[in-house]
Amino acid sequence: MILRRFFSTASGLGGLNETDCVDEKDTDILTGILRSSSDVQKKFDLTGDGTITERDFDALQDLYGNGCS
């Protein structure tokens, strides 16, 4: 699954900013990527459909709180 690339506990990644915590900062990053070129969006697409859509934000929201203390 594409999400594992960003949110794998085995790799120590905890979000798009690698803070081990999935939170609103990750949403801010994804929003910025949404405004980027399609090539950049493909690299950060969480659902694997090639573009940042509402589905990616939903997937990110489902992970909120992971790794946060």
C-alpha atoms as a PDB file:
ATOM      1  CA  MET A   1       0.000   0.000   0.000  1.00  0.00           C
ATOM      2  CA  ILE A   2       1.196   3.506  -0.853  1.00  0.00           C
ATOM      3  CA  LEU A   3       0.581   4.820   2.680  1.00  0.00           C
ATOM      4  CA  ARG A   4       3.272   2.520   4.029  1.00  0.00           C
ATOM      5  CA  ARG A   5       5.894   4.551   2.184  1.00  0.00           C
ATOM      6  CA  PHE A   6       5.135   7.533   4.454  1.00  0.00           C
ATOM      7  CA  PHE A   7       3.665   5.992   7.575  1.00  0.00           C
ATOM      8  CA  SER A   8       5.544   2.774   8.248  1.00  0.00           C
ATOM      9  CA  THR A   9       6.351   2.260  11.900  1.00  0.00           C
ATOM     10  CA  ALA A  10       9.137  -0.078  10.855  1.00  0.00           C
ATOM     11  CA  SER A  11      10.894   2.729   9.009  1.00  0.00           C
ATOM     12  CA  GLY A  12      10.287   5.236  11.792  1.00  0.00           C
ATOM     13  CA  LEU A  13       8.345   7.584   9.546  1.00  0.00           C
ATOM     14  CA  GLY A  14       5.369   9.145  11.202  1.00  0.00           C
ATOM     15  CA  GLY A  15       3.995  11.362   8.501  1.00  0.00           C
ATOM     16  CA  LEU A  16       5.011  13.584   5.656  1.00  0.00           C
ATOM     17  CA  ASN A  17       7.363  15.610   7.850  1.00  0.00           C
ATOM     18  CA  GLU A  18       8.891  12.519   9.506  1.00  0.00           C
ATOM     19  CA  THR A  19       8.097  13.648  13.071  1.00  0.00           C
ATOM     20  CA  ASP A  20       6.687  10.267  14.153  1.00  0.00           C
ATOM     21  CA  CYS A  21       3.346  12.033  14.642  1.00  0.00           C
ATOM     22  CA  VAL A  22       0.533  12.330  12.100  1.00  0.00           C
ATOM     23  CA  ASP A  23      -1.185  15.659  12.740  1.00  0.00           C
ATOM     24  CA  GLU A  24      -2.348  18.943  11.216  1.00  0.00           C
ATOM     25  CA  LYS A  25       1.198  19.734  10.076  1.00  0.00           C
ATOM     26  CA  ASP A  26       0.971  16.782   7.715  1.00  0.00           C
ATOM     27  CA  THR A  27      -2.327  18.143   6.382  1.00  0.00           C
ATOM     28  CA  ASP A  28      -0.629  21.506   5.786  1.00  0.00           C
ATOM     29  CA  ILE A  29       2.149  19.777   3.860  1.00  0.00           C
ATOM     30  CA  LEU A  30      -0.340  17.793   1.765  1.00  0.00           C
ATOM     31  CA  THR A  31      -2.239  21.016   1.020  1.00  0.00           C
ATOM     32  CA  GLY A  32       0.977  22.610  -0.229  1.00  0.00           C
ATOM     33  CA  ILE A  33       1.694  19.595  -2.393  1.00  0.00           C
ATOM     34  CA  LEU A  34      -1.826  19.866  -3.832  1.00  0.00           C
ATOM     35  CA  ARG A  35      -0.776  23.232  -5.289  1.00  0.00           C
ATOM     36  CA  SER A  36       2.348  21.702  -6.862  1.00  0.00           C
ATOM     37  CA  SER A  37       2.931  20.158 -10.252  1.00  0.00           C
ATOM     38  CA  SER A  38       1.515  16.760 -11.105  1.00  0.00           C
ATOM     39  CA  ASP A  39       5.023  15.254 -10.917  1.00  0.00           C
ATOM     40  CA  VAL A  40       5.328  16.335  -7.281  1.00  0.00           C
ATOM     41  CA  GLN A  41       1.797  15.161  -6.511  1.00  0.00           C
ATOM     42  CA  LYS A  42       2.601  11.688  -7.825  1.00  0.00           C
ATOM     43  CA  LYS A  43       5.466  11.379  -5.324  1.00  0.00           C
ATOM     44  CA  PHE A  44       3.223  12.207  -2.362  1.00  0.00           C
ATOM     45  CA  ASP A  45      -0.011  10.589  -3.511  1.00  0.00           C
ATOM     46  CA  LEU A  46      -1.213   8.539  -0.531  1.00  0.00           C
ATOM     47  CA  THR A  47      -3.863   6.488  -2.328  1.00  0.00           C
ATOM     48  CA  GLY A  48      -1.905   5.557  -5.438  1.00  0.00           C
ATOM     49  CA  ASP A  49      -4.180   7.116  -8.056  1.00  0.00           C
ATOM     50  CA  GLY A  50      -1.504   9.524  -9.296  1.00  0.00           C
ATOM     51  CA  THR A  51      -2.921  12.775  -7.961  1.00  0.00           C
ATOM     52  CA  ILE A  52      -3.767  14.428  -4.654  1.00  0.00           C
ATOM     53  CA  THR A  53      -7.525  14.294  -4.094  1.00  0.00           C
ATOM     54  CA  GLU A  54      -9.998  14.316  -1.237  1.00  0.00           C
ATOM     55  CA  ARG A  55      -9.300  10.591  -0.835  1.00  0.00           C
ATOM     56  CA  ASP A  56      -5.711  11.403   0.153  1.00  0.00           C
ATOM     57  CA  PHE A  57      -6.881  13.838   2.819  1.00  0.00           C
ATOM     58  CA  ASP A  58      -9.349  11.219   4.095  1.00  0.00           C
ATOM     59  CA  ALA A  59      -6.558   8.631   4.273  1.00  0.00           C
ATOM     60  CA  LEU A  60      -4.364  11.079   6.170  1.00  0.00           C
ATOM     61  CA  GLN A  61      -7.193  11.947   8.564  1.00  0.00           C
ATOM     62  CA  ASP A  62      -7.633   8.248   9.363  1.00  0.00           C
ATOM     63  CA  LEU A  63      -4.020   8.214  10.609  1.00  0.00           C
ATOM     64  CA  TYR A  64      -4.292  11.295  12.842  1.00  0.00           C
ATOM     65  CA  GLY A  65      -2.715  10.720  16.211  1.00  0.00           C
ATOM     66  CA  ASN A  66      -0.477   7.840  15.062  1.00  0.00           C
ATOM     67  CA  GLY A  67       2.869   8.151  16.798  1.00  0.00           C
ATOM     68  CA  CYS A  68       1.849  11.196  18.855  1.00  0.00           C
ATOM     69  CA  SER A  69       2.469  11.257  22.570  1.00  0.00           C
END
